[in-house]
């Protein structure tokens, strides 16, 4: 007879344990998916930034000369080497295009129309590729113009070098800034996502505290 009074209590304990287990499993699964997305984002951002740096490095071997005896002097006299280095630069920039598409997927969101500068990781990825392509175009234009010079006209060559070196340096500097801004936008997005998830009201206080403690 006395056991009958314990029935509701035992049922309540069992029910609460089952609910607790279900809640723990639910949040465990969601937290694991969130961690996987976070890791994918960081890996992709590193791959994209690394590819951009590789493209910038390849541009050094294709950049306009500034004087006779410059590190790229041989490009003035060997069309095959010039073509090979131009192709290497193009390949390095082209490799970023599929990565840029993945950035759009893992970092959704674009800056509002009319914004003066990119604000999101996706926009900065677009900006990086565009800047690199602009630097590549400057280099191509320089070597094409040099190839059209008559004989060894050092005066005209010096004029071309002064003109294109200024353009190259300016665009290359802006490209570096774009890569830096891309990585910063990624860091802000990842941190913001972590913060929103860990402080959401629908997450039980105990779970929220454990999540924040692991950060």
N, C-alpha and C. Protein backbone atom coordinates (compact mmCIF):
# COMPACT_ATOMS: atom_id res chain seq x y z
N UNK A 1 0.82 -1.20 0.00
CA UNK A 1 0.00 0.00 0.00
C UNK A 1 0.86 1.25 0.00
N UNK A 2 1.93 1.21 0.78
CA UNK A 2 2.80 2.38 0.84
C UNK A 2 3.47 2.65 -0.50
N UNK A 3 3.76 1.61 -1.29
CA UNK A 3 4.43 1.77 -2.58
C UNK A 3 3.56 2.54 -3.56
N UNK A 4 2.23 2.49 -3.35
CA UNK A 4 1.37 3.21 -4.28
C UNK A 4 1.62 4.70 -4.24
N UNK A 5 1.99 5.24 -3.11
CA UNK A 5 2.26 6.66 -2.99
C UNK A 5 3.53 7.08 -3.70
N UNK A 6 4.43 6.12 -3.90
CA UNK A 6 5.70 6.43 -4.58
C UNK A 6 5.56 6.38 -6.10
N UNK A 7 4.49 5.81 -6.59
CA UNK A 7 4.34 5.66 -8.04
C UNK A 7 4.47 6.95 -8.82
N UNK A 8 3.72 7.98 -8.47
CA UNK A 8 3.83 9.24 -9.23
C UNK A 8 5.22 9.85 -9.16
N UNK A 9 5.84 9.71 -7.98
CA UNK A 9 7.18 10.29 -7.82
C UNK A 9 8.19 9.58 -8.71
N UNK A 10 8.13 8.22 -8.70
CA UNK A 10 9.05 7.44 -9.53
C UNK A 10 8.82 7.76 -11.01
N UNK A 11 7.55 7.85 -11.40
CA UNK A 11 7.23 8.16 -12.80
C UNK A 11 7.77 9.53 -13.18
N UNK A 12 7.65 10.48 -12.24
CA UNK A 12 8.14 11.84 -12.52
C UNK A 12 9.65 11.85 -12.68
N UNK A 13 10.33 11.08 -11.81
CA UNK A 13 11.79 11.02 -11.89
C UNK A 13 12.23 10.41 -13.21
N UNK A 14 11.57 9.30 -13.58
CA UNK A 14 11.92 8.63 -14.84
C UNK A 14 11.66 9.56 -16.02
N UNK A 15 10.50 10.22 -15.98
CA UNK A 15 10.15 11.12 -17.09
C UNK A 15 11.15 12.26 -17.20
N UNK A 16 11.50 12.86 -16.07
CA UNK A 16 12.45 13.97 -16.10
C UNK A 16 13.81 13.51 -16.58
N UNK A 17 14.20 12.28 -16.25
CA UNK A 17 15.50 11.75 -16.70
C UNK A 17 15.50 11.56 -18.21
N UNK A 18 14.38 11.04 -18.71
CA UNK A 18 14.27 10.84 -20.16
C UNK A 18 14.32 12.17 -20.88
N UNK A 19 13.57 13.15 -20.37
CA UNK A 19 13.57 14.47 -20.98
C UNK A 19 14.96 15.08 -20.95
N UNK A 20 15.63 14.95 -19.80
CA UNK A 20 16.98 15.49 -19.68
C UNK A 20 17.92 14.85 -20.68
N UNK A 21 17.78 13.53 -20.86
CA UNK A 21 18.64 12.83 -21.82
C UNK A 21 18.35 13.30 -23.24
N UNK A 22 17.06 13.47 -23.55
CA UNK A 22 16.70 13.95 -24.89
C UNK A 22 17.22 15.35 -25.14
N UNK A 23 17.09 16.21 -24.13
CA UNK A 23 17.58 17.59 -24.28
C UNK A 23 19.09 17.59 -24.46
N UNK A 24 19.78 16.78 -23.64
CA UNK A 24 21.24 16.72 -23.76
C UNK A 24 21.66 16.23 -25.13
N UNK A 25 20.94 15.20 -25.64
CA UNK A 25 21.27 14.70 -26.97
C UNK A 25 21.00 15.72 -28.05
N UNK A 26 19.89 16.44 -27.90
CA UNK A 26 19.53 17.47 -28.89
C UNK A 26 20.59 18.55 -28.95
N UNK A 27 20.95 19.08 -27.79
CA UNK A 27 21.94 20.15 -27.78
C UNK A 27 23.33 19.64 -28.13
N UNK A 28 23.60 18.38 -27.79
CA UNK A 28 24.89 17.81 -28.16
C UNK A 28 25.04 17.72 -29.67
N UNK A 29 23.96 17.26 -30.33
CA UNK A 29 23.99 17.16 -31.80
C UNK A 29 24.11 18.54 -32.44
N UNK A 30 23.34 19.49 -31.94
CA UNK A 30 23.38 20.83 -32.53
C UNK A 30 24.73 21.49 -32.28
N UNK A 31 25.28 21.26 -31.10
CA UNK A 31 26.58 21.85 -30.80
C UNK A 31 27.67 21.23 -31.67
N UNK A 32 27.54 19.94 -31.97
CA UNK A 32 28.52 19.28 -32.83
C UNK A 32 28.42 19.81 -34.25
N UNK A 33 27.20 19.99 -34.74
CA UNK A 33 27.03 20.56 -36.09
C UNK A 33 27.57 21.98 -36.15
N UNK A 34 27.34 22.73 -35.10
CA UNK A 34 27.85 24.10 -35.05
C UNK A 34 29.38 24.09 -35.06
N UNK A 35 29.98 23.17 -34.31
CA UNK A 35 31.44 23.09 -34.28
C UNK A 35 31.99 22.71 -35.65
N UNK A 36 31.32 21.78 -36.33
CA UNK A 36 31.75 21.38 -37.67
C UNK A 36 31.69 22.56 -38.64
N UNK A 37 30.61 23.33 -38.56
CA UNK A 37 30.48 24.51 -39.43
C UNK A 37 31.57 25.52 -39.12
N UNK A 38 31.83 25.72 -37.84
CA UNK A 38 32.87 26.66 -37.43
C UNK A 38 34.23 26.23 -37.98
N UNK A 39 34.54 24.94 -37.83
CA UNK A 39 35.82 24.43 -38.33
C UNK A 39 35.91 24.56 -39.85
N UNK A 40 34.80 24.28 -40.54
CA UNK A 40 34.78 24.41 -42.01
C UNK A 40 35.02 25.85 -42.43
N UNK A 41 34.42 26.77 -41.72
CA UNK A 41 34.60 28.19 -42.05
C UNK A 41 36.05 28.62 -41.86
N UNK A 42 36.63 28.24 -40.74
CA UNK A 42 38.01 28.63 -40.46
C UNK A 42 38.96 28.02 -41.48
N UNK A 43 38.75 26.74 -41.81
CA UNK A 43 39.61 26.07 -42.79
C UNK A 43 39.48 26.73 -44.16
N UNK A 44 38.25 27.04 -44.57
CA UNK A 44 38.04 27.67 -45.87
C UNK A 44 38.67 29.06 -45.92
N UNK A 45 38.49 29.82 -44.86
CA UNK A 45 39.08 31.17 -44.82
C UNK A 45 40.59 31.10 -44.91
N UNK A 46 41.19 30.14 -44.22
CA UNK A 46 42.64 29.98 -44.31
C UNK A 46 43.10 29.58 -45.70
N UNK A 47 42.33 28.70 -46.33
CA UNK A 47 42.67 28.27 -47.69
C UNK A 47 42.56 29.43 -48.68
N UNK A 48 41.51 30.22 -48.53
CA UNK A 48 41.32 31.36 -49.44
C UNK A 48 42.41 32.40 -49.24
N UNK A 49 42.68 32.76 -47.99
CA UNK A 49 43.72 33.75 -47.72
C UNK A 49 45.09 33.25 -48.18
N UNK A 50 45.35 31.96 -47.96
CA UNK A 50 46.62 31.39 -48.42
C UNK A 50 46.74 31.42 -49.92
N UNK A 51 45.64 31.14 -50.62
CA UNK A 51 45.65 31.22 -52.08
C UNK A 51 45.89 32.63 -52.58
N UNK A 52 45.32 33.60 -51.88
CA UNK A 52 45.54 35.00 -52.26
C UNK A 52 47.00 35.40 -52.07
N UNK A 53 47.60 34.94 -50.99
CA UNK A 53 49.01 35.23 -50.74
C UNK A 53 49.90 34.55 -51.80
N UNK A 54 49.51 33.35 -52.21
CA UNK A 54 50.27 32.66 -53.26
C UNK A 54 50.18 33.43 -54.58
N UNK A 55 49.01 33.98 -54.87
CA UNK A 55 48.85 34.77 -56.09
C UNK A 55 49.70 36.04 -56.03
N UNK A 56 49.74 36.67 -54.88
CA UNK A 56 50.58 37.86 -54.71
C UNK A 56 52.05 37.52 -54.88
N UNK A 57 52.44 36.35 -54.38
CA UNK A 57 53.84 35.93 -54.52
C UNK A 57 54.19 35.68 -55.99
N UNK A 58 53.27 35.07 -56.73
CA UNK A 58 53.53 34.82 -58.15
C UNK A 58 53.62 36.12 -58.94
N UNK A 59 52.91 37.13 -58.49
CA UNK A 59 52.96 38.43 -59.17
C UNK A 59 54.33 39.10 -59.05
N UNK A 60 55.05 38.77 -58.01
CA UNK A 60 56.39 39.35 -57.85
C UNK A 60 57.31 38.95 -59.00
N UNK A 61 57.10 37.76 -59.53
CA UNK A 61 57.93 37.29 -60.64
C UNK A 61 57.41 37.76 -62.00
N UNK A 62 56.36 38.58 -61.96
CA UNK A 62 55.77 39.05 -63.21
C UNK A 62 55.56 40.57 -63.18
N UNK A 63 55.95 41.19 -62.09
CA UNK A 63 55.71 42.61 -61.89
C UNK A 63 56.53 43.45 -62.87
N UNK A 64 56.12 44.70 -63.11
CA UNK A 64 56.89 45.59 -63.98
C UNK A 64 58.28 45.86 -63.41
N UNK A 65 59.23 45.97 -64.29
CA UNK A 65 60.59 46.32 -63.87
C UNK A 65 60.64 47.81 -63.53
N UNK A 66 61.66 48.19 -62.77
CA UNK A 66 61.84 49.60 -62.41
C UNK A 66 63.13 50.19 -62.98
N UNK A 67 63.98 49.31 -63.50
CA UNK A 67 65.28 49.75 -64.02
C UNK A 67 65.92 48.60 -64.77
N UNK A 68 66.96 48.89 -65.51
CA UNK A 68 67.75 47.85 -66.16
C UNK A 68 68.46 47.04 -65.08
N UNK A 69 68.39 45.72 -65.17
CA UNK A 69 68.99 44.87 -64.15
C UNK A 69 68.03 44.46 -63.05
N UNK A 70 66.77 44.83 -63.18
CA UNK A 70 65.74 44.44 -62.22
C UNK A 70 65.62 42.92 -62.17
N UNK A 71 65.07 42.39 -61.08
CA UNK A 71 64.94 40.93 -60.91
C UNK A 71 64.14 40.30 -62.05
N UNK A 72 63.28 41.06 -62.70
CA UNK A 72 62.50 40.53 -63.83
C UNK A 72 63.04 41.01 -65.18
N UNK A 73 64.30 41.39 -65.20
CA UNK A 73 64.91 41.90 -66.43
C UNK A 73 64.82 40.88 -67.57
N UNK A 74 64.97 39.62 -67.24
CA UNK A 74 64.97 38.58 -68.28
C UNK A 74 63.65 38.53 -69.05
N UNK A 75 62.58 39.01 -68.44
CA UNK A 75 61.28 38.98 -69.13
C UNK A 75 61.26 39.92 -70.33
N UNK A 76 62.15 40.90 -70.34
CA UNK A 76 62.23 41.81 -71.48
C UNK A 76 62.84 41.12 -72.70
N UNK A 77 63.60 40.06 -72.45
CA UNK A 77 64.39 39.46 -73.52
C UNK A 77 63.99 38.02 -73.85
N UNK A 78 63.09 37.45 -73.04
CA UNK A 78 62.69 36.05 -73.26
C UNK A 78 61.17 35.94 -73.22
N UNK A 79 60.56 35.88 -74.38
CA UNK A 79 59.10 35.84 -74.47
C UNK A 79 58.52 34.57 -73.84
N UNK A 80 59.27 33.48 -73.91
CA UNK A 80 58.78 32.22 -73.35
C UNK A 80 58.65 32.30 -71.84
N UNK A 81 59.68 32.84 -71.18
CA UNK A 81 59.63 32.99 -69.72
C UNK A 81 58.51 33.95 -69.34
N UNK A 82 58.39 35.02 -70.09
CA UNK A 82 57.34 36.00 -69.82
C UNK A 82 55.96 35.35 -69.92
N UNK A 83 55.77 34.53 -70.93
CA UNK A 83 54.49 33.85 -71.11
C UNK A 83 54.23 32.85 -69.98
N UNK A 84 55.26 32.13 -69.58
CA UNK A 84 55.11 31.14 -68.52
C UNK A 84 54.73 31.80 -67.19
N UNK A 85 55.37 32.91 -66.90
CA UNK A 85 55.07 33.58 -65.63
C UNK A 85 53.68 34.22 -65.66
N UNK A 86 53.30 34.73 -66.81
CA UNK A 86 51.95 35.27 -66.93
C UNK A 86 50.90 34.19 -66.73
N UNK A 87 51.16 33.01 -67.28
CA UNK A 87 50.23 31.88 -67.13
C UNK A 87 50.17 31.43 -65.67
N UNK A 88 51.30 31.48 -64.98
CA UNK A 88 51.34 31.08 -63.57
C UNK A 88 50.50 32.03 -62.72
N UNK A 89 50.60 33.31 -63.01
CA UNK A 89 49.79 34.29 -62.28
C UNK A 89 48.31 34.05 -62.54
N UNK A 90 47.95 33.85 -63.79
CA UNK A 90 46.54 33.62 -64.13
C UNK A 90 46.00 32.39 -63.43
N UNK A 91 46.79 31.33 -63.40
CA UNK A 91 46.36 30.11 -62.74
C UNK A 91 46.16 30.34 -61.24
N UNK A 92 47.06 31.09 -60.61
CA UNK A 92 46.95 31.36 -59.17
C UNK A 92 45.68 32.13 -58.85
N UNK A 93 45.35 33.10 -59.69
CA UNK A 93 44.13 33.89 -59.46
C UNK A 93 42.89 33.05 -59.77
N UNK A 94 42.94 32.26 -60.83
CA UNK A 94 41.80 31.41 -61.20
C UNK A 94 41.47 30.40 -60.11
N UNK A 95 42.47 29.94 -59.39
CA UNK A 95 42.25 28.96 -58.33
C UNK A 95 41.38 29.53 -57.19
N UNK A 96 41.35 30.84 -57.08
CA UNK A 96 40.57 31.46 -56.01
C UNK A 96 39.08 31.52 -56.34
N UNK A 97 38.73 31.39 -57.60
CA UNK A 97 37.33 31.56 -57.99
C UNK A 97 36.41 30.51 -57.36
N UNK A 98 36.74 29.20 -57.41
CA UNK A 98 35.86 28.24 -56.73
C UNK A 98 35.85 28.42 -55.22
N UNK A 99 36.98 28.85 -54.65
CA UNK A 99 37.03 29.11 -53.21
C UNK A 99 36.12 30.28 -52.86
N UNK A 100 36.10 31.28 -53.71
CA UNK A 100 35.21 32.42 -53.49
C UNK A 100 33.76 31.96 -53.47
N UNK A 101 33.39 31.04 -54.35
CA UNK A 101 32.04 30.51 -54.36
C UNK A 101 31.70 29.79 -53.06
N UNK A 102 32.65 29.06 -52.52
CA UNK A 102 32.42 28.37 -51.24
C UNK A 102 32.30 29.37 -50.10
N UNK A 103 33.05 30.46 -50.18
CA UNK A 103 32.93 31.51 -49.16
C UNK A 103 31.52 32.08 -49.17
N UNK A 104 30.95 32.28 -50.35
CA UNK A 104 29.58 32.80 -50.44
C UNK A 104 28.59 31.87 -49.74
N UNK A 105 28.87 30.55 -49.79
CA UNK A 105 27.97 29.57 -49.19
C UNK A 105 28.13 29.51 -47.68
N UNK A 106 29.37 29.43 -47.20
CA UNK A 106 29.62 29.27 -45.76
C UNK A 106 29.55 30.59 -45.00
N UNK A 107 29.69 31.70 -45.72
CA UNK A 107 29.59 33.02 -45.09
C UNK A 107 28.51 33.83 -45.82
N UNK A 108 27.25 33.42 -45.73
CA UNK A 108 26.19 34.13 -46.46
C UNK A 108 26.02 35.55 -45.95
N UNK A 109 25.55 36.41 -46.83
CA UNK A 109 25.32 37.80 -46.45
C UNK A 109 26.18 38.74 -47.27
N UNK A 110 25.55 39.74 -47.86
CA UNK A 110 26.26 40.73 -48.66
C UNK A 110 26.00 42.12 -48.10
N UNK A 111 26.88 43.04 -48.41
CA UNK A 111 26.73 44.42 -47.96
C UNK A 111 25.53 45.06 -48.67
N UNK A 112 24.84 45.98 -47.99
CA UNK A 112 23.70 46.66 -48.64
C UNK A 112 24.14 47.42 -49.88
N UNK A 113 23.24 47.55 -50.82
CA UNK A 113 23.55 48.29 -52.05
C UNK A 113 23.91 49.73 -51.71
N UNK A 114 24.92 50.23 -52.38
CA UNK A 114 25.35 51.60 -52.14
C UNK A 114 26.39 51.74 -51.05
N UNK A 115 26.77 50.63 -50.40
CA UNK A 115 27.80 50.69 -49.37
C UNK A 115 29.14 51.05 -49.99
N UNK A 116 29.87 51.96 -49.35
CA UNK A 116 31.12 52.45 -49.93
C UNK A 116 32.21 51.39 -49.94
N UNK A 117 32.24 50.53 -48.94
CA UNK A 117 33.27 49.50 -48.87
C UNK A 117 32.65 48.19 -48.44
N UNK A 118 33.28 47.07 -48.78
CA UNK A 118 32.74 45.76 -48.37
C UNK A 118 32.63 45.67 -46.85
N UNK A 119 31.62 44.94 -46.40
CA UNK A 119 31.41 44.77 -44.97
C UNK A 119 31.44 43.31 -44.54
N UNK A 120 31.14 42.40 -45.44
CA UNK A 120 31.03 40.98 -45.10
C UNK A 120 32.21 40.19 -45.67
N UNK A 121 32.38 38.99 -45.13
CA UNK A 121 33.46 38.12 -45.62
C UNK A 121 33.26 37.79 -47.09
N UNK A 122 32.01 37.55 -47.49
CA UNK A 122 31.72 37.23 -48.90
C UNK A 122 32.09 38.39 -49.81
N UNK A 123 31.77 39.60 -49.37
CA UNK A 123 32.11 40.78 -50.18
C UNK A 123 33.62 40.99 -50.27
N UNK A 124 34.30 40.77 -49.16
CA UNK A 124 35.76 40.94 -49.19
C UNK A 124 36.43 39.88 -50.05
N UNK A 125 35.88 38.66 -50.06
CA UNK A 125 36.42 37.63 -50.95
C UNK A 125 36.30 38.06 -52.41
N UNK A 126 35.15 38.62 -52.75
CA UNK A 126 34.94 39.14 -54.10
C UNK A 126 35.94 40.27 -54.39
N UNK A 127 36.16 41.09 -53.41
CA UNK A 127 37.07 42.23 -53.56
C UNK A 127 38.50 41.75 -53.77
N UNK A 128 38.91 40.74 -53.02
CA UNK A 128 40.28 40.21 -53.15
C UNK A 128 40.52 39.70 -54.57
N UNK A 129 39.59 38.90 -55.08
CA UNK A 129 39.75 38.35 -56.43
C UNK A 129 39.79 39.48 -57.46
N UNK A 130 38.91 40.45 -57.30
CA UNK A 130 38.89 41.58 -58.23
C UNK A 130 40.18 42.38 -58.22
N UNK A 131 40.73 42.60 -57.04
CA UNK A 131 41.99 43.34 -56.93
C UNK A 131 43.15 42.57 -57.54
N UNK A 132 43.19 41.28 -57.27
CA UNK A 132 44.26 40.47 -57.85
C UNK A 132 44.19 40.47 -59.37
N UNK A 133 42.97 40.38 -59.89
CA UNK A 133 42.81 40.40 -61.34
C UNK A 133 43.24 41.75 -61.91
N UNK A 134 43.00 42.83 -61.17
CA UNK A 134 43.42 44.16 -61.62
C UNK A 134 44.94 44.27 -61.65
N UNK A 135 45.61 43.71 -60.64
CA UNK A 135 47.08 43.72 -60.62
C UNK A 135 47.62 42.90 -61.79
N UNK A 136 47.00 41.76 -62.03
CA UNK A 136 47.40 40.92 -63.17
C UNK A 136 47.26 41.69 -64.48
N UNK A 137 46.16 42.41 -64.63
CA UNK A 137 45.93 43.19 -65.85
C UNK A 137 46.99 44.27 -66.04
N UNK A 138 47.40 44.91 -64.94
CA UNK A 138 48.45 45.93 -65.02
C UNK A 138 49.75 45.32 -65.52
N UNK A 139 50.09 44.15 -64.98
CA UNK A 139 51.32 43.47 -65.41
C UNK A 139 51.24 43.09 -66.88
N UNK A 140 50.11 42.53 -67.29
CA UNK A 140 49.95 42.16 -68.70
C UNK A 140 50.10 43.37 -69.61
N UNK A 141 49.48 44.47 -69.20
CA UNK A 141 49.54 45.69 -70.02
C UNK A 141 50.97 46.22 -70.11
N UNK A 142 51.70 46.13 -69.01
CA UNK A 142 53.09 46.61 -69.02
C UNK A 142 53.94 45.81 -70.00
N UNK A 143 53.85 44.49 -69.91
CA UNK A 143 54.70 43.67 -70.78
C UNK A 143 54.27 43.77 -72.24
N UNK A 144 53.00 43.96 -72.48
CA UNK A 144 52.55 44.18 -73.86
C UNK A 144 53.11 45.48 -74.40
N UNK A 145 53.06 46.53 -73.59
CA UNK A 145 53.58 47.83 -74.02
C UNK A 145 55.09 47.77 -74.25
N UNK A 146 55.80 47.05 -73.39
CA UNK A 146 57.25 46.92 -73.56
C UNK A 146 57.57 46.15 -74.84
N UNK A 147 56.75 45.16 -75.15
CA UNK A 147 56.99 44.38 -76.36
C UNK A 147 56.80 45.18 -77.63
N UNK A 148 56.09 46.28 -77.52
CA UNK A 148 55.84 47.12 -78.70
C UNK A 148 56.88 48.22 -78.88
N UNK A 149 57.83 48.31 -77.94
CA UNK A 149 58.88 49.32 -78.07
C UNK A 149 59.79 48.98 -79.25
N UNK A 150 60.26 50.00 -79.91
CA UNK A 150 61.16 49.80 -81.05
C UNK A 150 62.60 49.71 -80.56
N UNK A 151 63.22 48.54 -80.76
CA UNK A 151 64.62 48.37 -80.40
C UNK A 151 64.85 48.52 -78.91
N UNK A 152 66.01 49.05 -78.55
CA UNK A 152 66.38 49.24 -77.14
C UNK A 152 66.17 50.70 -76.74
N UNK A 153 64.94 51.12 -76.77
CA UNK A 153 64.62 52.50 -76.43
C UNK A 153 64.47 52.62 -74.92
N UNK A 154 65.58 52.90 -74.24
CA UNK A 154 65.57 52.94 -72.79
C UNK A 154 64.74 54.10 -72.24
N UNK A 155 64.65 55.18 -73.01
CA UNK A 155 63.87 56.32 -72.52
C UNK A 155 62.39 55.96 -72.44
N UNK A 156 61.86 55.37 -73.49
CA UNK A 156 60.45 54.97 -73.47
C UNK A 156 60.21 53.87 -72.44
N UNK A 157 61.17 52.99 -72.30
CA UNK A 157 61.03 51.94 -71.30
C UNK A 157 60.97 52.54 -69.91
N UNK A 158 61.83 53.51 -69.64
CA UNK A 158 61.83 54.16 -68.32
C UNK A 158 60.50 54.84 -68.04
N UNK A 159 59.92 55.44 -69.06
CA UNK A 159 58.61 56.09 -68.90
C UNK A 159 57.53 55.06 -68.57
N UNK A 160 57.58 53.93 -69.27
CA UNK A 160 56.61 52.87 -69.00
C UNK A 160 56.78 52.32 -67.58
N UNK A 161 58.03 52.13 -67.19
CA UNK A 161 58.30 51.60 -65.85
C UNK A 161 57.76 52.53 -64.77
N UNK A 162 57.98 53.82 -64.95
CA UNK A 162 57.49 54.78 -63.96
C UNK A 162 55.97 54.76 -63.88
N UNK A 163 55.32 54.69 -65.03
CA UNK A 163 53.86 54.71 -65.08
C UNK A 163 53.26 53.45 -64.47
N UNK A 164 53.75 52.31 -64.91
CA UNK A 164 53.12 51.06 -64.48
C UNK A 164 53.55 50.63 -63.08
N UNK A 165 54.75 51.00 -62.66
CA UNK A 165 55.16 50.65 -61.31
C UNK A 165 54.29 51.35 -60.28
N UNK A 166 53.93 52.60 -60.55
CA UNK A 166 53.05 53.33 -59.64
C UNK A 166 51.68 52.66 -59.56
N UNK A 167 51.16 52.25 -60.70
CA UNK A 167 49.86 51.56 -60.72
C UNK A 167 49.95 50.22 -59.99
N UNK A 168 51.04 49.50 -60.26
CA UNK A 168 51.22 48.18 -59.65
C UNK A 168 51.31 48.30 -58.13
N UNK A 169 52.13 49.22 -57.65
CA UNK A 169 52.31 49.37 -56.20
C UNK A 169 51.00 49.74 -55.51
N UNK A 170 50.24 50.65 -56.13
CA UNK A 170 48.97 51.06 -55.53
C UNK A 170 47.97 49.91 -55.45
N UNK A 171 47.81 49.19 -56.53
CA UNK A 171 46.86 48.08 -56.55
C UNK A 171 47.30 46.94 -55.64
N UNK A 172 48.59 46.68 -55.63
CA UNK A 172 49.09 45.60 -54.77
C UNK A 172 48.87 45.94 -53.29
N UNK A 173 49.07 47.19 -52.94
CA UNK A 173 48.83 47.61 -51.55
C UNK A 173 47.36 47.44 -51.18
N UNK A 174 46.46 47.83 -52.08
CA UNK A 174 45.04 47.67 -51.81
C UNK A 174 44.65 46.19 -51.73
N UNK A 175 45.34 45.36 -52.48
CA UNK A 175 45.06 43.92 -52.43
C UNK A 175 45.46 43.34 -51.08
N UNK A 176 46.61 43.73 -50.57
CA UNK A 176 47.04 43.31 -49.24
C UNK A 176 45.99 43.71 -48.20
N UNK A 177 45.53 44.94 -48.29
CA UNK A 177 44.52 45.42 -47.34
C UNK A 177 43.22 44.63 -47.47
N UNK A 178 42.87 44.25 -48.69
CA UNK A 178 41.65 43.47 -48.90
C UNK A 178 41.77 42.08 -48.27
N UNK A 179 42.93 41.45 -48.41
CA UNK A 179 43.14 40.14 -47.78
C UNK A 179 43.06 40.25 -46.27
N UNK A 180 43.69 41.28 -45.72
CA UNK A 180 43.65 41.51 -44.28
C UNK A 180 42.23 41.76 -43.80
N UNK A 181 41.48 42.54 -44.55
CA UNK A 181 40.09 42.84 -44.18
C UNK A 181 39.21 41.60 -44.29
N UNK A 182 39.51 40.74 -45.26
CA UNK A 182 38.76 39.48 -45.38
C UNK A 182 38.94 38.62 -44.13
N UNK A 183 40.18 38.44 -43.70
CA UNK A 183 40.43 37.62 -42.51
C UNK A 183 39.80 38.23 -41.27
N UNK A 184 39.81 39.56 -41.20
CA UNK A 184 39.17 40.23 -40.06
C UNK A 184 37.66 40.01 -40.07
N UNK A 185 37.05 40.11 -41.25
CA UNK A 185 35.61 39.89 -41.37
C UNK A 185 35.24 38.46 -40.99
N UNK A 186 36.09 37.51 -41.35
CA UNK A 186 35.86 36.11 -40.98
C UNK A 186 35.90 35.95 -39.47
N UNK A 187 36.92 36.53 -38.83
CA UNK A 187 37.05 36.42 -37.38
C UNK A 187 35.84 37.03 -36.67
N UNK A 188 35.38 38.17 -37.16
CA UNK A 188 34.21 38.82 -36.55
C UNK A 188 32.98 37.94 -36.70
N UNK A 189 32.81 37.35 -37.88
CA UNK A 189 31.63 36.51 -38.13
C UNK A 189 31.64 35.27 -37.25
N UNK A 190 32.78 34.62 -37.15
CA UNK A 190 32.88 33.40 -36.33
C UNK A 190 32.64 33.73 -34.87
N UNK A 191 33.25 34.80 -34.39
CA UNK A 191 33.08 35.20 -32.99
C UNK A 191 31.64 35.58 -32.70
N UNK A 192 31.02 36.30 -33.62
CA UNK A 192 29.63 36.71 -33.43
C UNK A 192 28.70 35.51 -33.38
N UNK A 193 28.94 34.53 -34.24
CA UNK A 193 28.12 33.32 -34.25
C UNK A 193 28.26 32.57 -32.94
N UNK A 194 29.49 32.45 -32.44
CA UNK A 194 29.72 31.79 -31.15
C UNK A 194 28.96 32.50 -30.04
N UNK A 195 29.02 33.82 -30.05
CA UNK A 195 28.41 34.61 -28.99
C UNK A 195 26.89 34.50 -29.02
N UNK A 196 26.30 34.58 -30.21
CA UNK A 196 24.84 34.48 -30.34
C UNK A 196 24.35 33.12 -29.89
N UNK A 197 25.06 32.08 -30.31
CA UNK A 197 24.66 30.71 -29.95
C UNK A 197 24.74 30.50 -28.44
N UNK A 198 25.83 30.97 -27.84
CA UNK A 198 26.06 30.69 -26.43
C UNK A 198 25.19 31.53 -25.51
N UNK A 199 24.62 32.63 -25.98
CA UNK A 199 23.81 33.50 -25.13
C UNK A 199 22.34 33.49 -25.49
N UNK A 200 21.95 32.60 -26.41
CA UNK A 200 20.55 32.54 -26.82
C UNK A 200 19.65 32.19 -25.64
N UNK A 201 18.46 32.82 -25.54
CA UNK A 201 17.57 32.61 -24.40
C UNK A 201 17.03 31.20 -24.32
N UNK A 202 16.86 30.55 -25.48
CA UNK A 202 16.23 29.23 -25.46
C UNK A 202 17.18 28.14 -25.01
N UNK A 203 18.45 28.48 -24.82
CA UNK A 203 19.41 27.48 -24.31
C UNK A 203 19.34 27.48 -22.79
N UNK A 204 19.15 26.32 -22.14
CA UNK A 204 19.10 26.25 -20.69
C UNK A 204 20.34 26.88 -20.06
N UNK A 205 20.15 27.51 -18.91
CA UNK A 205 21.25 28.23 -18.26
C UNK A 205 22.47 27.35 -18.04
N UNK A 206 22.26 26.13 -17.57
CA UNK A 206 23.39 25.24 -17.29
C UNK A 206 24.16 24.92 -18.57
N UNK A 207 23.43 24.69 -19.66
CA UNK A 207 24.08 24.40 -20.94
C UNK A 207 24.84 25.62 -21.43
N UNK A 208 24.21 26.80 -21.30
CA UNK A 208 24.85 28.04 -21.74
C UNK A 208 26.15 28.27 -20.98
N UNK A 209 26.13 28.02 -19.67
CA UNK A 209 27.34 28.22 -18.86
C UNK A 209 28.46 27.29 -19.28
N UNK A 210 28.11 26.04 -19.60
CA UNK A 210 29.13 25.09 -20.05
C UNK A 210 29.71 25.52 -21.40
N UNK A 211 28.84 26.02 -22.29
CA UNK A 211 29.30 26.45 -23.61
C UNK A 211 30.25 27.64 -23.49
N UNK A 212 29.87 28.60 -22.65
CA UNK A 212 30.72 29.77 -22.48
C UNK A 212 32.03 29.42 -21.80
N UNK A 213 31.99 28.43 -20.91
CA UNK A 213 33.21 28.02 -20.21
C UNK A 213 34.21 27.37 -21.15
N UNK A 214 33.71 26.75 -22.23
CA UNK A 214 34.59 26.07 -23.18
C UNK A 214 35.20 27.03 -24.18
N UNK A 215 34.73 28.26 -24.27
CA UNK A 215 35.23 29.21 -25.27
C UNK A 215 36.60 29.72 -24.89
